[in-house]
Amino acid sequence: MRAARGITSRAHPLWVAYVLHRLSGLALALFLPVHFYILSLALTDPARLDGFLSLSLGGAVKAAEVGLVFLLAVHMFGGLRLMALEWLPWQPAQKTVAAAATAVSFAIAVLFLLRAV
């Protein structure tokens, strides 16, 4: 009985929102040290920073930037969803709000992509 309940809870859209929030947080936590290292090159080794910035003009980096914006948006909306769960009364339409937050996150990433190209 417990295994069956676990399967159905994992199929729930809010479980997917939970996983997206955790994975986006993990990915951002892995990205930040690299980002800070790159920023430190501006102070310690400007020539290496210029070399890195020339690499950042490639298509793969542009795609990674879109992914980063998507992760930031997903994580932000996931955090807002968690605050709503904790502070507001439970509503049946919350899975719709979670799906809408994911859609808005995707739209923000696409808008960033269109501007970056």
Protein backbone atom coordinates (compact mmCIF):
# COMPACT_ATOMS: atom_id res chain seq x y z
CA MET A 1 0.00 0.00 0.00
CA ARG A 2 2.79 2.40 0.84
CA ALA A 3 4.57 1.83 -2.50
CA ALA A 4 1.36 2.50 -4.41
CA ARG A 5 0.89 5.78 -2.52
CA GLY A 6 4.48 6.79 -3.36
CA ILE A 7 3.92 6.20 -7.06
CA THR A 8 0.76 8.31 -7.15
CA SER A 9 2.35 11.13 -5.16
CA ARG A 10 5.26 11.23 -7.60
CA ALA A 11 2.83 11.50 -10.49
CA HIS A 12 1.25 14.58 -8.91
CA PRO A 13 2.12 17.86 -10.71
CA LEU A 14 3.16 19.51 -7.45
CA TRP A 15 5.72 16.75 -6.92
CA VAL A 16 7.22 17.71 -10.29
CA ALA A 17 7.29 21.35 -9.12
CA TYR A 18 9.05 20.19 -5.93
CA VAL A 19 11.69 18.29 -7.92
CA LEU A 20 12.19 21.19 -10.37
CA HIS A 21 12.74 23.58 -7.48
CA ARG A 22 15.28 21.30 -5.83
CA LEU A 23 17.16 20.56 -9.06
CA SER A 24 17.25 24.21 -10.10
CA GLY A 25 18.60 25.14 -6.67
CA LEU A 26 21.29 22.47 -6.95
CA ALA A 27 22.27 23.57 -10.46
CA LEU A 28 22.45 27.21 -9.36
CA ALA A 29 24.55 26.26 -6.34
CA LEU A 30 26.99 24.48 -8.66
CA PHE A 31 27.03 27.43 -11.08
CA LEU A 32 27.69 30.21 -8.56
CA PRO A 33 31.27 29.27 -7.58
CA VAL A 34 32.23 29.11 -11.27
CA HIS A 35 30.54 32.46 -11.87
CA PHE A 36 32.37 34.09 -8.95
CA TYR A 37 35.68 32.65 -10.17
CA ILE A 38 35.11 34.13 -13.63
CA LEU A 39 34.23 37.48 -12.06
CA SER A 40 37.40 37.36 -9.97
CA LEU A 41 39.42 37.19 -13.18
CA ALA A 42 38.49 40.83 -13.80
CA LEU A 43 40.58 41.73 -10.75
CA THR A 44 43.33 39.12 -10.87
CA ASP A 45 43.92 38.28 -14.54
CA PRO A 46 42.12 40.54 -17.05
CA ALA A 47 43.80 38.81 -20.02
CA ARG A 48 42.29 35.44 -19.03
CA LEU A 49 38.92 37.13 -18.52
CA ASP A 50 39.12 38.55 -22.06
CA GLY A 51 39.93 35.08 -23.36
CA PHE A 52 36.98 33.61 -21.54
CA LEU A 53 34.66 36.37 -22.75
CA SER A 54 35.67 35.65 -26.35
CA LEU A 55 34.59 32.04 -25.79
CA SER A 56 31.26 33.20 -24.41
CA LEU A 57 30.18 34.44 -27.83
CA GLY A 58 29.60 30.87 -29.02
CA GLY A 59 26.21 29.25 -29.48
CA ALA A 60 26.72 26.70 -26.70
CA VAL A 61 27.30 29.47 -24.16
CA LYS A 62 24.22 31.33 -25.40
CA ALA A 63 22.19 28.15 -24.93
CA ALA A 64 23.66 27.74 -21.44
CA GLU A 65 22.68 31.32 -20.61
CA VAL A 66 19.10 30.58 -21.65
CA GLY A 67 19.20 27.50 -19.43
CA LEU A 68 20.54 29.60 -16.57
CA VAL A 69 17.76 32.16 -16.95
CA PHE A 70 15.24 29.30 -17.01
CA LEU A 71 16.73 27.81 -13.83
CA LEU A 72 16.65 31.19 -12.11
CA ALA A 73 13.03 31.74 -13.08
CA VAL A 74 12.00 28.20 -12.07
CA HIS A 75 13.76 28.56 -8.74
CA MET A 76 12.20 31.96 -8.07
CA PHE A 77 8.68 30.82 -8.91
CA GLY A 78 9.24 27.58 -6.98
CA GLY A 79 10.22 29.62 -3.93
CA LEU A 80 7.12 31.77 -4.33
CA ARG A 81 5.05 28.57 -4.55
CA LEU A 82 6.61 27.30 -1.32
CA MET A 83 5.89 30.58 0.46
CA ALA A 84 2.30 30.40 -0.76
CA LEU A 85 2.02 26.83 0.54
CA GLU A 86 3.32 27.86 3.94
CA TRP A 87 1.50 31.15 4.39
CA LEU A 88 -1.73 30.89 2.40
CA PRO A 89 -4.63 28.48 2.79
CA TRP A 90 -4.45 25.37 0.59
CA GLN A 91 -6.30 25.73 -2.71
CA PRO A 92 -7.15 22.93 -5.17
CA ALA A 93 -5.94 25.06 -8.09
CA GLN A 94 -2.33 25.13 -6.84
CA LYS A 95 -1.21 22.59 -9.43
CA THR A 96 -2.47 24.98 -12.11
CA VAL A 97 -0.46 27.78 -10.53
CA ALA A 98 2.63 25.54 -10.44
CA ALA A 99 2.18 24.69 -14.12
CA ALA A 100 1.69 28.36 -14.94
CA ALA A 101 4.87 29.26 -13.04
CA THR A 102 6.81 26.73 -15.11
CA ALA A 103 5.29 28.14 -18.29
CA VAL A 104 6.19 31.70 -17.26
CA SER A 105 9.74 30.54 -16.46
CA PHE A 106 10.01 29.03 -19.92
CA ALA A 107 8.63 32.23 -21.48
CA ILE A 108 11.21 34.32 -19.62
CA ALA A 109 14.00 32.04 -20.89
CA VAL A 110 12.69 32.25 -24.47
CA LEU A 111 12.47 36.05 -24.27
CA PHE A 112 16.06 36.11 -23.03
CA LEU A 113 17.08 33.86 -25.93
CA LEU A 114 15.38 36.13 -28.45
CA ARG A 115 17.17 39.13 -27.01
CA ALA A 116 20.53 37.35 -26.85
CA VAL A 117 20.47 36.28 -30.50
